[in-house]
Protein backbone atom coordinates (compact mmCIF):
# COMPACT_ATOMS: atom_id res chain seq x y z
CA MET A 1 122.40 94.07 93.75
CA GLN A 2 120.24 95.57 91.00
CA PHE A 3 120.87 94.59 87.36
CA ALA A 4 119.45 95.91 84.09
CA PHE A 5 119.19 93.34 81.32
CA ARG A 6 118.32 92.93 77.65
CA ALA A 7 117.42 89.42 76.50
CA ARG A 8 115.40 87.49 73.93
CA ASP A 9 112.81 84.82 74.63
CA MET A 10 112.33 81.56 72.68
CA GLN A 11 110.23 83.37 70.07
CA GLY A 12 112.97 85.97 69.53
CA ALA A 13 111.10 88.85 71.17
CA LEU A 14 113.27 91.46 72.91
CA ILE A 15 112.79 91.59 76.69
CA THR A 16 114.23 94.36 78.87
CA GLY A 17 113.94 94.96 82.60
CA GLU A 18 115.60 95.25 85.99
CA VAL A 19 116.00 92.41 88.49
CA GLU A 20 117.59 92.04 91.92
CA ALA A 21 120.14 89.26 92.32
CA PRO A 22 123.05 88.47 94.69
CA ASP A 23 125.63 88.62 91.87
CA LEU A 24 126.08 88.48 88.09
CA ARG A 25 126.18 84.67 87.97
CA ALA A 26 122.89 84.41 89.87
CA MET A 27 121.38 86.99 87.54
CA GLN A 28 122.40 84.94 84.48
CA SER A 29 120.93 81.80 86.06
CA GLN A 30 117.62 83.58 86.70
CA LEU A 31 117.33 84.61 83.05
CA THR A 32 118.24 81.12 81.83
CA GLU A 33 115.65 79.51 84.13
CA GLN A 34 113.01 81.78 82.59
CA GLY A 35 113.97 80.61 79.10
CA LEU A 36 115.60 83.93 78.17
CA ILE A 37 118.83 84.35 76.22
CA PRO A 38 120.84 87.27 77.73
CA ILE A 39 122.13 89.93 75.32
CA SER A 40 123.55 92.35 77.87
CA ILE A 41 123.56 92.62 81.66
CA ARG A 42 124.88 95.55 83.67
CA GLU A 43 124.89 96.39 87.35
CA LEU A 44 122.95 99.48 88.39
CA LYS A 45 124.54 101.81 90.91
CA PRO A 46 122.32 103.11 93.77
CA GLY A 47 120.43 106.20 92.64
CA ALA A 48 121.18 105.56 88.96
CA VAL A 49 118.53 106.83 86.54
CA THR A 50 117.71 104.46 83.68
CA MET A 51 115.24 104.54 80.82
CA ALA A 52 113.40 101.63 82.44
CA ALA A 53 113.13 103.60 85.69
CA ILE A 54 111.83 106.67 83.83
CA GLU A 55 109.31 104.54 81.93
CA ARG A 56 108.13 102.95 85.20
CA TRP A 57 107.71 106.41 86.71
CA PHE A 58 105.27 107.39 83.96
CA ASN A 59 103.57 103.97 83.89
CA LYS A 60 103.39 103.14 87.59
CA VAL A 61 100.88 100.58 88.73
CA LYS A 62 98.35 102.46 90.84
CA ALA A 63 97.26 101.11 94.21
CA GLU A 64 93.71 100.82 92.88
CA GLU A 65 94.90 98.65 89.96
CA LEU A 66 96.81 96.29 92.26
CA MET A 67 93.88 96.13 94.66
CA VAL A 68 91.39 95.25 91.90
CA PHE A 69 93.80 92.70 90.38
CA THR A 70 94.36 90.95 93.73
CA ARG A 71 90.66 90.93 94.60
CA GLN A 72 89.71 89.48 91.21
CA PHE A 73 92.56 86.95 91.39
CA TYR A 74 91.24 85.81 94.79
CA THR A 75 87.63 85.63 93.58
CA LEU A 76 88.48 83.58 90.47
CA PHE A 77 90.87 81.31 92.39
CA LYS A 78 88.22 80.69 95.05
CA ALA A 79 85.76 79.78 92.26
CA GLY A 80 88.13 77.05 91.09
CA VAL A 81 89.29 78.68 87.85
CA SER A 82 92.73 77.52 86.64
CA ILE A 83 95.72 79.85 87.13
CA ASP A 84 96.32 80.10 83.37
CA THR A 85 92.71 81.15 82.72
CA ILE A 86 92.80 83.61 85.63
CA LEU A 87 95.93 85.32 84.32
CA ALA A 88 94.65 85.36 80.72
CA THR A 89 91.37 86.93 81.87
CA LEU A 90 93.03 89.54 84.11
CA ALA A 91 95.60 90.45 81.44
CA ARG A 92 92.81 91.18 78.93
CA GLN A 93 90.99 93.52 81.28
CA ALA A 94 94.03 95.23 82.89
CA MET A 95 93.84 98.96 82.18
CA GLY A 96 97.52 99.85 82.70
CA LYS A 97 100.24 98.77 80.29
CA THR A 98 102.76 97.96 83.07
CA LEU A 99 100.41 95.64 84.94
CA ARG A 100 99.15 93.99 81.74
CA THR A 101 102.73 93.30 80.57
CA ALA A 102 103.65 91.89 83.98
CA ILE A 103 100.61 89.55 84.00
CA GLU A 104 101.42 88.30 80.50
CA ARG A 105 105.04 87.63 81.49
CA ILE A 106 103.88 85.83 84.65
CA ARG A 107 101.54 83.65 82.61
CA SER A 108 104.37 82.84 80.20
CA ASP A 109 106.81 81.98 83.03
CA ILE A 110 104.27 79.69 84.72
CA GLY A 111 103.70 77.98 81.38
CA LYS A 112 107.45 77.27 81.29
CA GLY A 113 107.35 75.60 84.70
CA ALA A 114 107.94 78.43 87.19
CA SER A 115 105.92 78.48 90.40
CA LEU A 116 103.44 81.29 91.01
CA SER A 117 105.68 83.11 93.50
CA GLN A 118 108.76 82.69 91.26
CA ALA A 119 106.90 84.21 88.33
CA PHE A 120 105.60 87.13 90.41
CA ARG A 121 109.09 87.71 91.88
CA GLN A 122 110.39 88.76 88.45
CA HIS A 123 108.35 91.98 88.70
CA PRO A 124 109.50 93.67 91.95
CA HIS A 125 108.36 97.10 90.76
CA VAL A 126 104.78 95.85 90.53
CA PHE A 127 104.59 93.30 93.36
CA ASP A 128 106.62 94.13 96.48
CA GLU A 129 108.35 91.68 98.83
CA LEU A 130 105.30 91.40 101.09
CA TYR A 131 103.16 90.35 98.13
CA ILE A 132 105.68 87.74 96.97
CA SER A 133 106.46 86.38 100.45
CA MET A 134 102.80 85.89 101.32
CA MET A 135 102.12 84.23 97.99
CA GLN A 136 105.12 81.93 98.47
CA ALA A 137 104.05 81.04 102.01
CA GLY A 138 100.51 80.34 100.79
CA GLU A 139 101.82 78.08 98.02
CA GLU A 140 104.12 76.12 100.33
CA ALA A 141 101.47 75.70 103.05
CA GLY A 142 98.67 74.92 100.60
CA ILE A 143 96.57 77.87 101.80
CA LEU A 144 96.90 80.19 98.79
CA GLU A 145 93.21 81.10 98.87
CA GLN A 146 93.44 82.30 102.47
CA THR A 147 96.70 84.14 101.76
CA LEU A 148 95.18 85.95 98.78
CA PHE A 149 92.27 86.99 101.00
CA GLU A 150 94.72 88.40 103.58
CA LEU A 151 96.57 90.23 100.80
CA VAL A 152 93.36 91.83 99.60
CA LYS A 153 92.61 93.08 103.12
CA LEU A 154 96.16 94.43 103.56
CA ILE A 155 96.17 96.33 100.28
CA GLU A 156 92.68 97.74 100.88
CA LYS A 157 93.54 98.94 104.40
CA ASP A 158 96.79 100.52 103.26
CA HIS A 159 95.00 102.27 100.42
CA ALA A 160 92.21 103.49 102.72
CA ILE A 161 94.70 105.01 105.18
CA LYS A 162 96.70 106.76 102.44
CA ARG A 163 93.53 108.08 100.82
CA ALA A 164 92.25 109.39 104.17
CA ILE A 165 95.54 111.18 104.90
CA LYS A 166 95.54 112.68 101.41
CA SER A 167 91.98 113.89 101.86
CA ALA A 168 92.72 115.38 105.29
CA MET A 169 95.72 117.27 103.88
CA PHE A 170 93.66 118.92 101.12
CA TYR A 171 92.56 121.90 103.24
CA PRO A 172 96.07 122.71 104.62
CA LYS A 173 97.51 122.47 101.08
CA ILE A 174 94.90 124.96 99.81
CA VAL A 175 95.71 127.38 102.66
CA ILE A 176 99.46 127.14 102.00
CA PHE A 177 98.91 127.59 98.23
CA VAL A 178 96.80 130.73 98.80
CA LEU A 179 99.36 132.07 101.31
CA VAL A 180 102.23 131.58 98.85
CA GLY A 181 100.17 133.25 96.10
CA ALA A 182 99.33 136.21 98.34
CA ILE A 183 102.99 136.66 99.33
CA SER A 184 104.06 136.53 95.67
CA VAL A 185 101.54 139.24 94.71
CA LEU A 186 102.58 141.31 97.72
CA MET A 187 106.28 141.09 96.87
CA THR A 188 105.95 141.79 93.14
CA MET A 189 103.14 144.38 93.06
CA VAL A 190 102.45 145.96 96.46
CA VAL A 191 105.89 146.36 98.09
CA PRO A 192 107.46 148.02 94.97
CA LYS A 193 104.78 150.76 95.20
CA PHE A 194 105.64 151.37 98.85
CA LYS A 195 109.35 151.38 97.94
CA GLU A 196 108.70 154.24 95.49
CA PHE A 197 106.65 156.06 98.13
CA PHE A 198 109.39 155.74 100.77
CA GLY A 199 112.02 156.76 98.21
CA HIS A 200 110.46 160.20 97.75
CA TYR A 201 111.07 161.03 101.42
CA LYS A 202 114.59 159.58 101.62
CA ALA A 203 113.96 158.71 105.26
CA GLU A 204 115.90 156.12 107.25
CA LEU A 205 113.87 152.91 107.07
CA PRO A 206 113.57 150.40 109.93
CA MET A 207 115.27 147.02 109.55
CA PRO A 208 112.02 144.99 108.88
CA THR A 209 111.21 147.35 105.98
CA LYS A 210 114.73 147.06 104.51
CA ILE A 211 114.52 143.26 104.63
CA LEU A 212 111.07 143.27 103.01
CA ILE A 213 112.26 145.58 100.22
CA GLN A 214 115.34 143.42 99.56
CA VAL A 215 113.16 140.31 99.36
CA SER A 216 110.78 142.14 97.02
CA ASP A 217 113.72 143.26 94.81
CA PHE A 218 114.83 139.65 94.55
CA PHE A 219 111.31 138.56 93.54
CA VAL A 220 111.07 141.31 90.90
CA ASN A 221 114.61 141.18 89.46
CA PHE A 222 115.55 137.54 89.88
CA TRP A 223 112.19 135.75 89.68
CA PHE A 224 113.64 133.28 87.16
CA LEU A 225 116.03 131.98 89.84
CA ILE A 226 113.18 130.93 92.14
CA PRO A 227 112.11 127.82 90.12
CA VAL A 228 115.81 126.96 89.68
CA ILE A 229 116.41 127.14 93.45
CA ILE A 230 113.27 125.10 94.13
CA GLY A 231 114.27 122.52 91.48
CA VAL A 232 117.81 122.18 92.85
CA GLY A 233 116.44 121.89 96.39
CA VAL A 234 113.98 119.16 95.37
CA PHE A 235 116.73 117.32 93.46
CA LEU A 236 119.17 117.45 96.40
CA PHE A 237 116.43 116.35 98.79
CA HIS A 238 115.50 113.35 96.63
CA ARG A 239 119.17 112.55 96.14
CA TYR A 240 119.70 112.51 99.90
CA ALA A 241 116.46 110.59 100.47
CA SER A 242 117.59 107.92 98.00
CA THR A 243 120.57 107.01 100.22
CA LYS A 244 120.16 104.55 103.09
CA SER A 245 121.37 107.01 105.74
CA GLY A 246 119.19 109.76 104.26
CA ARG A 247 116.03 107.62 104.36
CA TYR A 248 116.83 106.59 107.95
CA ASN A 249 117.41 110.16 109.16
CA LEU A 250 114.32 111.55 107.41
CA ASP A 251 112.11 108.74 108.70
CA ARG A 252 113.47 109.23 112.22
CA ILE A 253 112.62 112.94 111.99
CA ARG A 254 109.08 112.03 110.91
CA PHE A 255 108.54 110.28 114.24
CA GLN A 256 109.60 113.46 116.08
CA MET A 257 107.37 115.93 114.21
CA PRO A 258 104.43 117.49 116.07
CA ILE A 259 101.04 116.01 115.11
CA PHE A 260 102.47 113.94 112.24
CA GLY A 261 104.97 112.12 114.49
CA PRO A 262 102.32 110.33 116.60
CA LEU A 263 100.26 109.68 113.45
CA THR A 264 103.28 108.12 111.70
CA MET A 265 103.91 105.96 114.79
CA LYS A 266 100.30 104.72 114.80
CA VAL A 267 100.36 103.95 111.07
CA ALA A 268 103.66 102.05 111.43
CA ASN A 269 102.37 99.97 114.36
CA ALA A 270 99.08 99.27 112.58
CA ARG A 271 100.96 98.03 109.49
CA PHE A 272 103.42 96.08 111.64
CA GLY A 273 100.67 94.20 113.48
CA HIS A 274 98.57 93.47 110.41
CA ILE A 275 101.44 92.39 108.14
CA LEU A 276 103.18 90.27 110.78
CA SER A 277 99.88 88.63 111.74
CA ALA A 278 99.14 87.74 108.11
CA LEU A 279 102.67 86.40 107.47
CA TYR A 280 102.83 84.41 110.71
CA LYS A 281 99.35 82.99 110.13
CA SER A 282 100.37 81.87 106.63
CA GLY A 283 103.11 79.69 108.15
CA LEU A 284 106.18 81.82 107.46
CA ALA A 285 108.90 81.53 110.13
CA MET A 286 109.02 84.43 112.60
CA SER A 287 112.53 85.54 111.60
CA ARG A 288 111.59 85.53 107.92
CA SER A 289 108.30 87.29 108.69
CA LEU A 290 110.16 90.07 110.52
CA ASP A 291 112.56 90.36 107.57
CA VAL A 292 109.62 90.93 105.23
CA VAL A 293 107.98 93.40 107.63
CA ALA A 294 111.22 95.40 107.84
CA ASN A 295 111.49 95.54 104.05
CA VAL A 296 107.91 96.66 103.38
CA ILE A 297 106.98 98.73 106.45
CA GLY A 298 107.82 101.95 104.58
CA ASN A 299 109.92 103.59 107.31
CA GLU A 300 113.67 102.92 107.61
CA ALA A 301 113.87 103.97 111.28
CA PHE A 302 111.08 101.56 112.21
CA ALA A 303 112.58 98.89 109.93
CA LEU A 304 115.90 99.07 111.80
CA GLU A 305 114.08 98.47 115.09
CA VAL A 306 112.30 95.46 113.58
CA ARG A 307 115.61 94.00 112.36
CA LEU A 308 117.20 94.48 115.79
CA MET A 309 114.17 92.79 117.34
CA ARG A 310 114.57 89.89 114.88
CA ASP A 311 118.22 89.51 115.94
CA ASP A 312 117.19 89.41 119.62
CA ILE A 313 114.58 86.73 118.89
CA GLN A 314 117.14 84.65 116.97
CA ARG A 315 119.34 84.78 120.09
CA GLY A 316 116.49 83.23 122.09
CA MET A 317 114.70 86.27 123.52
CA GLY A 318 110.90 86.34 123.60
CA MET A 319 109.14 88.69 121.19
CA ALA A 320 107.58 90.89 123.89
CA ASP A 321 110.94 91.14 125.70
CA ALA A 322 112.64 92.06 122.41
CA MET A 323 110.02 94.77 121.81
CA GLN A 324 110.77 96.33 125.21
CA GLN A 325 114.33 97.02 124.05
CA ARG A 326 113.12 99.00 121.03
CA LEU A 327 111.97 102.61 120.68
CA TYR A 328 108.80 102.57 118.59
CA PHE A 329 106.57 99.95 120.22
CA PRO A 330 104.01 101.45 122.67
CA PRO A 331 103.17 99.52 125.89
CA VAL A 332 99.84 98.30 124.46
CA VAL A 333 101.73 96.50 121.65
CA ILE A 334 104.19 94.91 124.08
CA GLU A 335 101.51 93.75 126.53
CA THR A 336 99.24 92.37 123.81
CA THR A 337 102.18 90.52 122.24
CA ALA A 338 103.11 89.04 125.63
CA VAL A 339 99.55 87.75 126.05
CA GLY A 340 99.66 86.25 122.54
CA GLU A 341 102.94 84.45 123.31
CA ARG A 342 101.61 83.02 126.57
CA THR A 343 98.31 81.82 125.07
CA GLY A 344 99.66 80.63 121.72
CA SER A 345 97.48 83.09 119.79
CA LEU A 346 100.14 85.54 118.64
CA ASP A 347 98.60 86.08 115.19
CA GLU A 348 95.21 86.95 116.73
CA MET A 349 96.76 89.34 119.26
CA LEU A 350 98.83 91.07 116.57
CA LEU A 351 95.69 91.45 114.46
CA ALA A 352 93.83 92.89 117.46
CA VAL A 353 96.57 95.44 118.14
CA SER A 354 96.68 96.44 114.46
CA GLU A 355 92.91 97.03 114.48
CA HIS A 356 93.31 99.12 117.65
CA PHE A 357 95.86 101.37 115.95
CA GLU A 358 93.81 101.53 112.75
CA LEU A 359 90.94 102.98 114.79
CA GLU A 360 93.33 105.50 116.34
CA VAL A 361 94.69 106.40 112.90
CA THR A 362 91.15 106.93 111.60
CA HIS A 363 90.30 109.14 114.60
CA THR A 364 93.52 111.18 114.23
CA ILE A 365 93.01 111.67 110.50
CA LYS A 366 89.42 112.86 111.04
CA ASN A 367 90.75 115.50 113.47
CA LEU A 368 93.87 116.33 111.45
CA THR A 369 92.46 119.55 110.01
CA THR A 370 91.40 120.69 113.50
CA LEU A 371 94.88 119.90 114.86
CA LEU A 372 96.61 121.78 112.02
CA GLU A 373 94.41 124.89 112.17
CA PRO A 374 96.26 126.51 115.15
CA ILE A 375 99.62 126.02 113.41
CA LEU A 376 98.30 127.48 110.15
CA LEU A 377 96.76 130.43 112.01
CA VAL A 378 100.05 131.15 113.82
CA VAL A 379 101.97 131.05 110.51
CA ILE A 380 99.44 133.32 108.76
CA PHE A 381 99.27 135.72 111.72
CA GLY A 382 103.07 135.83 111.91
CA MET A 383 103.43 136.61 108.19
CA VAL A 384 100.73 139.29 108.26
CA THR A 385 102.24 140.90 111.37
CA LEU A 386 105.76 141.01 109.90
CA VAL A 387 104.54 142.50 106.61
CA ALA A 388 102.28 145.01 108.38
CA LEU A 389 105.11 146.17 110.65
CA ALA A 390 107.54 146.44 107.73
CA ILE A 391 105.10 148.62 105.78
CA PHE A 392 103.53 150.73 108.51
CA LEU A 393 106.50 151.36 110.83
CA PRO A 394 108.14 153.86 108.43
CA ILE A 395 104.74 155.49 107.78
CA TRP A 396 104.22 155.97 111.51
CA GLY A 397 107.76 157.32 111.79
CA MET A 398 107.21 159.87 109.02
CA SER A 399 103.85 160.87 110.55
CA ALA A 400 105.52 161.45 113.91
CA ALA A 401 108.27 163.50 112.22
CA VAL A 402 105.67 165.67 110.39
CA LYS A 403 103.72 166.27 113.63
CA GLY A 404 106.89 167.11 115.49
CA GLY A 405 107.86 169.58 112.74
């Protein structure tokens, strides 16, 4: 359950935020343990929009910020600097307000006796469950330095993949933008001129021309409705995507899309292997590791398969056998996992399979523009053909009528 709270600390400063807790009593206990005096606590309904959520939207912690923070935290920790000094130093040089506030709160909580992972856990909108779970496992196993190093690698690889996909999509976005602009100019400036021309002859127009003219009339007379329709559509889409069933259905569709479906599958398996390897290597139990993977993998359809696999493992099934019952694990993942189970080197095998898929993701992204070009050409050719037929069919008809006369 998600709760929004207002509280005051020991110095009387007002603290507001949102925290996940099993129930109201647990939420109150969390605030008390942090030395906060609750003023008001209310449960947030799924999809509810709050001022805190709006503020976070405009002050989100960028991936680059989190990556730099984690790398510097690891470097200073490895150098033997105390946690308090590390946090004080990183808070001073943090560029974003959200991250700086979170670091200062973490430093304050640790000063009051909280563990590192407990302090970080109070800021779920900055540090996700993977971050917290790995930090907790590193603390408990006494290998925090190694865990921080693994975290740095995870964040950097995730950021590199997202940046590469964004870069590869730049060209298709430009083509689509130009196409939409051309259609808008055509509908508002060119087609009305042809409508006047056809109106002088009062000839029977073919169906494609009638449709084109009606669309053009809508663009000219009701242009103000277009942003409203787009806005409502985006709102309804996000509303649906914010529900559990909506996220699952949309993520399942992503796996079935041409070109992007296989790419999504490769990205998911690369993340699965790398995250599970890092968690398992840090000493976290397999069932708990799979829980964390399911919560941070970023795809609800894949997450459901991971949770089902976790249930099979808890019933005594081997990991490779459990994978065979699921939909989204290619044979190479299953076979590599089976080898890792037999040889006792599961973390190394999972890391190897994640690196294999990362190479495939890199190769696919490099060729993404080439793969999308035929689709873009078909769309452009189709639009041009339809518009050309709609405009020139009646002209050819009138020409034929004049010749016949």
